Amino acid sequence: NGKLYPFGHIERTEDCYTCDCGKGAMSCCSLFHIPVSYDKKTCKVVFNKKRCDYDVVQKDDPSKPCFSGYSHV
């Protein structure tokens, strides 16, 4: 994301990653699961930055959830 981080472990970035930063490299892993199995015709995916997770909701009424399968990415 172009931001500078201190050396060491970063528990959670603003973009919902956990990172380790050393002199030679920085490695990060996502804290969220990406929905992969849901009805794309009637549902949509909305990222919830507070929870670092996705909500799968109905396109016509985003207050109603849709069933989905998740993948660790």
C-alpha atoms as a PDB file:
ATOM      1  CA  ASN A   1       0.000   0.000   0.000  1.00  0.00           C
ATOM      2  CA  GLY A   2       3.058   2.278  -0.107  1.00  0.00           C
ATOM      3  CA  LYS A   3       3.031   2.966   3.628  1.00  0.00           C
ATOM      4  CA  LEU A   4       6.179   2.684   5.757  1.00  0.00           C
ATOM      5  CA  TYR A   5       6.042   0.312   8.733  1.00  0.00           C
ATOM      6  CA  PRO A   6       8.459  -0.224  11.629  1.00  0.00           C
ATOM      7  CA  PHE A   7      10.630  -3.338  11.820  1.00  0.00           C
ATOM      8  CA  GLY A   8       9.033  -6.276  13.584  1.00  0.00           C
ATOM      9  CA  HIS A   9       5.558  -7.758  13.738  1.00  0.00           C
ATOM     10  CA  ILE A  10       2.479  -5.744  12.751  1.00  0.00           C
ATOM     11  CA  GLU A  11      -0.638  -7.373  14.232  1.00  0.00           C
ATOM     12  CA  ARG A  12      -3.119  -5.651  11.897  1.00  0.00           C
ATOM     13  CA  THR A  13      -2.648  -3.070   9.158  1.00  0.00           C
ATOM     14  CA  GLU A  14      -5.348  -0.636   8.009  1.00  0.00           C
ATOM     15  CA  ASP A  15      -5.924  -2.969   5.047  1.00  0.00           C
ATOM     16  CA  CYS A  16      -6.526  -6.027   7.274  1.00  0.00           C
ATOM     17  CA  TYR A  17      -3.197  -7.830   6.928  1.00  0.00           C
ATOM     18  CA  THR A  18      -0.775  -9.147   9.525  1.00  0.00           C
ATOM     19  CA  CYS A  19       2.857  -8.506   8.580  1.00  0.00           C
ATOM     20  CA  ASP A  20       6.431  -9.129   9.600  1.00  0.00           C
ATOM     21  CA  CYS A  21       8.918  -6.482   8.570  1.00  0.00           C
ATOM     22  CA  GLY A  22      12.677  -7.065   8.489  1.00  0.00           C
ATOM     23  CA  LYS A  23      15.700  -5.332   6.976  1.00  0.00           C
ATOM     24  CA  GLY A  24      15.535  -7.377   3.787  1.00  0.00           C
ATOM     25  CA  ALA A  25      11.835  -7.938   3.240  1.00  0.00           C
ATOM     26  CA  MET A  26       8.276  -7.575   4.429  1.00  0.00           C
ATOM     27  CA  SER A  27       5.822 -10.482   4.333  1.00  0.00           C
ATOM     28  CA  CYS A  28       2.093 -10.188   4.918  1.00  0.00           C
ATOM     29  CA  CYS A  29      -0.952 -12.474   5.153  1.00  0.00           C
ATOM     30  CA  SER A  30      -4.589 -11.475   4.918  1.00  0.00           C
ATOM     31  CA  LEU A  31      -6.790 -11.601   8.001  1.00  0.00           C
ATOM     32  CA  PHE A  32      -9.951 -12.164   5.966  1.00  0.00           C
ATOM     33  CA  HIS A  33     -11.635 -14.996   4.075  1.00  0.00           C
ATOM     34  CA  ILE A  34     -12.857 -14.407   0.544  1.00  0.00           C
ATOM     35  CA  PRO A  35     -16.320 -15.767  -0.346  1.00  0.00           C
ATOM     36  CA  VAL A  36     -16.106 -17.998  -3.421  1.00  0.00           C
ATOM     37  CA  SER A  37     -19.354 -19.958  -3.505  1.00  0.00           C
ATOM     38  CA  TYR A  38     -22.474 -17.805  -3.578  1.00  0.00           C
ATOM     39  CA  ASP A  39     -25.230 -16.891  -6.035  1.00  0.00           C
ATOM     40  CA  LYS A  40     -23.611 -14.058  -8.006  1.00  0.00           C
ATOM     41  CA  LYS A  41     -26.907 -13.219  -9.719  1.00  0.00           C
ATOM     42  CA  THR A  42     -28.788 -12.378  -6.517  1.00  0.00           C
ATOM     43  CA  CYS A  43     -25.974 -11.671  -4.018  1.00  0.00           C
ATOM     44  CA  LYS A  44     -22.999  -9.349  -3.712  1.00  0.00           C
ATOM     45  CA  VAL A  45     -19.892  -9.169  -1.529  1.00  0.00           C
ATOM     46  CA  VAL A  46     -19.285  -6.199   0.783  1.00  0.00           C
ATOM     47  CA  PHE A  47     -16.033  -5.761   2.733  1.00  0.00           C
ATOM     48  CA  ASN A  48     -16.431  -4.950   6.445  1.00  0.00           C
ATOM     49  CA  LYS A  49     -13.197  -3.162   7.410  1.00  0.00           C
ATOM     50  CA  LYS A  50     -13.999  -3.142  11.147  1.00  0.00           C
ATOM     51  CA  ARG A  51     -14.229  -6.954  11.245  1.00  0.00           C
ATOM     52  CA  CYS A  52     -11.709  -7.551   8.444  1.00  0.00           C
ATOM     53  CA  ASP A  53     -14.180  -9.853   6.745  1.00  0.00           C
ATOM     54  CA  TYR A  54     -16.636  -9.977   3.868  1.00  0.00           C
ATOM     55  CA  ASP A  55     -20.408 -10.003   4.137  1.00  0.00           C
ATOM     56  CA  VAL A  56     -22.391 -11.701   1.385  1.00  0.00           C
ATOM     57  CA  VAL A  57     -25.720  -9.906   1.096  1.00  0.00           C
ATOM     58  CA  GLN A  58     -28.693  -9.820  -1.230  1.00  0.00           C
ATOM     59  CA  LYS A  59     -28.340  -7.306  -4.062  1.00  0.00           C
ATOM     60  CA  ASP A  60     -31.972  -6.207  -3.750  1.00  0.00           C
ATOM     61  CA  ASP A  61     -31.833  -5.875   0.056  1.00  0.00           C
ATOM     62  CA  PRO A  62     -28.295  -5.560   1.525  1.00  0.00           C
ATOM     63  CA  SER A  63     -29.730  -5.902   5.045  1.00  0.00           C
ATOM     64  CA  LYS A  64     -30.392  -9.599   4.302  1.00  0.00           C
ATOM     65  CA  PRO A  65     -27.503 -12.092   4.207  1.00  0.00           C
ATOM     66  CA  CYS A  66     -26.899 -14.744   1.542  1.00  0.00           C
ATOM     67  CA  PHE A  67     -25.427 -18.188   2.157  1.00  0.00           C
ATOM     68  CA  SER A  68     -21.841 -18.508   0.927  1.00  0.00           C
ATOM     69  CA  GLY A  69     -18.784 -20.725   1.016  1.00  0.00           C
ATOM     70  CA  TYR A  70     -15.407 -19.302   2.013  1.00  0.00           C
ATOM     71  CA  SER A  71     -11.831 -19.784   0.934  1.00  0.00           C
ATOM     72  CA  HIS A  72      -8.686 -18.978   2.902  1.00  0.00           C
ATOM     73  CA  VAL A  73      -6.680 -16.683   0.635  1.00  0.00           C
END
